[in-house]
Protein backbone atom coordinates (compact mmCIF):
# COMPACT_ATOMS: atom_id res chain seq x y z
CA MET A 1 0.00 0.00 0.00
CA ASN A 2 1.78 3.12 -1.23
CA ASN A 3 -1.17 5.45 -1.63
CA PRO A 4 -0.46 8.44 0.65
CA GLU A 5 -4.14 9.40 0.88
CA VAL A 6 -5.14 5.95 2.11
CA ILE A 7 -2.26 5.85 4.58
CA GLN A 8 -3.20 9.30 5.84
CA LYS A 9 -6.75 8.11 6.60
CA ARG A 10 -5.33 5.13 8.49
CA ILE A 11 -3.07 7.51 10.44
CA GLU A 12 -6.06 9.63 11.43
CA GLY A 13 -7.93 6.56 12.66
CA ALA A 14 -4.93 5.21 14.55
CA ARG A 15 -4.34 8.60 16.19
CA ALA A 16 -7.97 8.85 17.29
CA LYS A 17 -7.77 5.33 18.71
CA LEU A 18 -4.57 6.25 20.56
CA TYR A 19 -6.28 9.23 22.22
CA LEU A 20 -9.23 7.08 23.26
CA MET A 21 -6.97 4.36 24.63
CA GLU A 22 -4.91 6.90 26.55
CA ARG A 23 -8.05 8.07 28.33
CA GLU A 24 -9.36 4.53 28.82
CA TYR A 25 -6.13 3.22 30.34
CA GLY A 26 -5.27 6.38 32.22
CA GLY A 27 -1.99 7.29 30.64
CA LEU A 28 0.58 6.81 27.95
CA LEU A 29 2.58 4.16 29.79
CA HIS A 30 0.01 1.35 29.62
CA PRO A 31 1.31 -1.48 27.38
CA ASN A 32 -1.76 -1.35 25.09
CA VAL A 33 -1.33 2.38 24.60
CA ILE A 34 2.36 1.92 23.82
CA ARG A 35 1.50 -0.77 21.23
CA GLN A 36 -1.02 1.56 19.59
CA SER A 37 1.56 4.33 19.55
CA MET A 38 3.97 1.99 17.80
CA ARG A 39 1.30 1.15 15.19
CA LEU A 40 0.81 4.86 14.61
CA ASP A 41 4.57 5.31 14.21
CA GLU A 42 4.66 2.54 11.60
CA LEU A 43 1.87 4.18 9.62
CA ILE A 44 3.66 7.53 9.74
CA ASN A 45 6.82 5.83 8.48
CA GLN A 46 4.84 4.22 5.63
CA TYR A 47 3.36 7.61 4.76
CA ASN A 48 6.77 9.27 4.69
CA LYS A 49 8.18 6.51 2.47
CA ALA A 50 5.21 6.83 0.11
CA ILE A 51 5.62 10.60 -0.09
CA HIS A 52 9.35 10.39 -0.72
CA SER A 53 9.00 7.66 -3.34
CA ASP A 54 6.38 9.78 -5.18
CA ASN A 55 8.72 12.78 -5.15
CA GLU A 56 11.61 10.75 -6.56
CA SER A 57 9.58 9.50 -9.53
């Protein structure tokens, strides 16, 4: 999946889920919140790769 628009939508969803989980678990240090943060990081990395590969073409 290299479509930046699709990845951006997934980032928005993952970020919203992270905020909800942070409130649900009472902080950023809960293991589930950390895992969600890592998923968000991966999506952001995918987005950056997609953007940079589009610019190099």
